[in-house]
Amino acid sequence: QVQLVESGGGLVQAGGSLRLSCTTSGSGIWSMGWFRQAPGKEREFVAAIQWNGDSTNYADFVKGRFTVSRTNAKNTVELQMNSLKPEDTAVYYCAAGSYLPSRDRYAYWGQGRQVTVSS
């Protein structure tokens, strides 16, 4: 059993920054992805990082604004979100098990954290 616990997020004004963190419990170091889902929309890929932290991948709409990283304790990944826009408002989920941009490839999911960006 692998569990993912998310923290961070919150409410900021447009142009501000927020950080999300995701810690896995259980065995192993996993490739990790971040997804988000806004009301009435499909869950969409945001970013991912390889299990060893060597490679990252980003959706076009966050390139240059978001950074995914792995901490020194490699069971934790973070998503630093800068220059936030109202359209970034969503519930953000971390997921473990893949580096790919498809949600179907991920075996485990966090509980989600709300990110709200006011205009």
Protein backbone atom coordinates (compact mmCIF):
# COMPACT_ATOMS: atom_id res chain seq x y z
CA GLN A 1 0.00 0.00 0.00
CA VAL A 2 1.31 3.40 -1.03
CA GLN A 3 -0.23 6.54 0.38
CA LEU A 4 0.28 10.09 -0.82
CA VAL A 5 -0.27 13.03 1.50
CA GLU A 6 -0.49 16.52 0.07
CA SER A 7 -0.04 19.84 1.79
CA GLY A 8 0.14 23.47 0.80
CA GLY A 9 -1.89 25.37 -1.71
CA GLY A 10 -4.40 27.95 -0.63
CA LEU A 11 -5.57 31.32 -1.86
CA VAL A 12 -3.54 34.04 -3.54
CA GLN A 13 -4.09 36.97 -5.81
CA ALA A 14 -3.17 36.79 -9.46
CA GLY A 15 0.57 37.05 -9.93
CA GLY A 16 1.30 35.47 -6.59
CA SER A 17 2.93 32.20 -5.68
CA LEU A 18 1.97 29.02 -3.88
CA ARG A 19 3.68 25.77 -3.14
CA LEU A 20 2.36 22.24 -2.97
CA SER A 21 4.07 19.30 -1.37
CA CYS A 22 3.42 15.60 -1.68
CA THR A 23 4.93 12.91 0.49
CA THR A 24 4.64 9.21 -0.21
CA SER A 25 4.58 6.51 2.39
CA GLY A 26 5.46 2.92 1.77
CA SER A 27 8.34 1.37 -0.07
CA GLY A 28 10.21 2.76 -2.98
CA ILE A 29 10.94 6.01 -4.72
CA TRP A 30 8.40 6.84 -7.39
CA SER A 31 8.20 8.92 -10.47
CA MET A 32 5.62 11.55 -9.61
CA GLY A 33 3.13 13.63 -11.48
CA TRP A 34 0.92 16.58 -10.72
CA PHE A 35 -2.56 16.95 -12.13
CA ARG A 36 -5.31 19.46 -11.62
CA GLN A 37 -9.04 19.49 -12.02
CA ALA A 38 -11.25 22.53 -12.17
CA PRO A 39 -15.01 22.30 -11.68
CA GLY A 40 -16.69 20.89 -14.75
CA LYS A 41 -13.42 20.04 -16.43
CA GLU A 42 -11.37 16.92 -16.95
CA ARG A 43 -8.36 16.25 -14.82
CA GLU A 44 -5.33 17.50 -16.70
CA PHE A 45 -1.63 16.93 -16.52
CA VAL A 46 0.49 19.68 -15.00
CA ALA A 47 4.01 18.39 -14.41
CA ALA A 48 6.02 15.29 -13.63
CA ILE A 49 9.42 14.32 -12.34
CA GLN A 50 11.37 11.13 -12.79
CA TRP A 51 11.94 8.93 -9.78
CA ASN A 52 15.56 10.06 -9.53
CA GLY A 53 14.78 13.72 -10.17
CA ASP A 54 16.90 13.88 -13.30
CA SER A 55 14.12 14.80 -15.70
CA THR A 56 11.00 16.90 -15.54
CA ASN A 57 8.06 17.44 -17.83
CA TYR A 58 5.55 20.27 -17.94
CA ALA A 59 2.29 21.05 -19.60
CA ASP A 60 2.55 23.97 -21.98
CA PHE A 61 0.28 26.16 -19.91
CA VAL A 62 2.63 26.12 -16.90
CA LYS A 63 6.02 26.23 -18.57
CA GLY A 64 8.12 29.03 -17.17
CA ARG A 65 5.81 29.47 -14.19
CA PHE A 66 5.73 26.15 -12.32
CA THR A 67 8.64 24.07 -11.11
CA VAL A 68 8.45 20.49 -9.93
CA SER A 69 11.27 19.21 -7.76
CA ARG A 70 12.21 16.46 -5.42
CA THR A 71 13.47 17.27 -1.95
CA ASN A 72 16.51 15.81 -0.27
CA ALA A 73 14.13 13.30 1.22
CA LYS A 74 13.18 11.82 -2.11
CA ASN A 75 9.83 10.55 -1.00
CA THR A 76 8.64 14.16 -1.20
CA VAL A 77 8.00 16.20 -4.30
CA GLU A 78 7.04 19.84 -4.52
CA LEU A 79 5.31 22.00 -7.05
CA GLN A 80 6.31 25.64 -6.89
CA MET A 81 3.71 27.76 -8.64
CA ASN A 82 4.65 31.29 -9.60
CA SER A 83 2.89 33.98 -11.60
CA LEU A 84 -0.41 32.34 -10.85
CA LYS A 85 -3.42 33.12 -12.97
CA PRO A 86 -7.11 32.79 -12.18
CA GLU A 87 -7.32 29.95 -14.68
CA ASP A 88 -4.90 28.00 -12.49
CA THR A 89 -7.66 27.65 -9.93
CA ALA A 90 -8.29 23.95 -9.41
CA VAL A 91 -7.82 21.05 -7.09
CA TYR A 92 -4.28 19.81 -7.52
CA TYR A 93 -3.46 16.14 -7.15
CA CYS A 94 -0.14 14.43 -6.87
CA ALA A 95 0.16 10.96 -8.29
CA ALA A 96 2.77 8.24 -8.18
CA GLY A 97 3.89 5.59 -10.58
CA SER A 98 4.59 7.28 -13.89
CA TYR A 99 6.36 10.09 -15.65
CA LEU A 100 3.81 10.21 -18.46
CA PRO A 101 1.23 12.93 -18.96
CA SER A 102 -1.70 10.51 -18.91
CA ARG A 103 -3.62 10.03 -15.69
CA ASP A 104 -4.32 6.43 -16.62
CA ARG A 105 -0.66 5.57 -16.08
CA TYR A 106 -0.60 6.48 -12.39
CA ALA A 107 -1.26 3.90 -9.73
CA TYR A 108 -1.64 6.07 -6.63
CA TRP A 109 -3.19 9.45 -5.96
CA GLY A 110 -3.13 12.05 -3.24
CA GLN A 111 -6.25 13.55 -1.74
CA GLY A 112 -5.98 16.83 -3.60
CA ARG A 113 -5.33 20.38 -2.46
CA GLN A 114 -7.26 23.46 -3.43
CA VAL A 115 -5.46 26.25 -5.24
CA THR A 116 -7.49 29.39 -5.71
CA VAL A 117 -6.23 32.43 -7.59
CA SER A 118 -8.29 35.57 -7.36
CA SER A 119 -8.32 38.17 -10.08
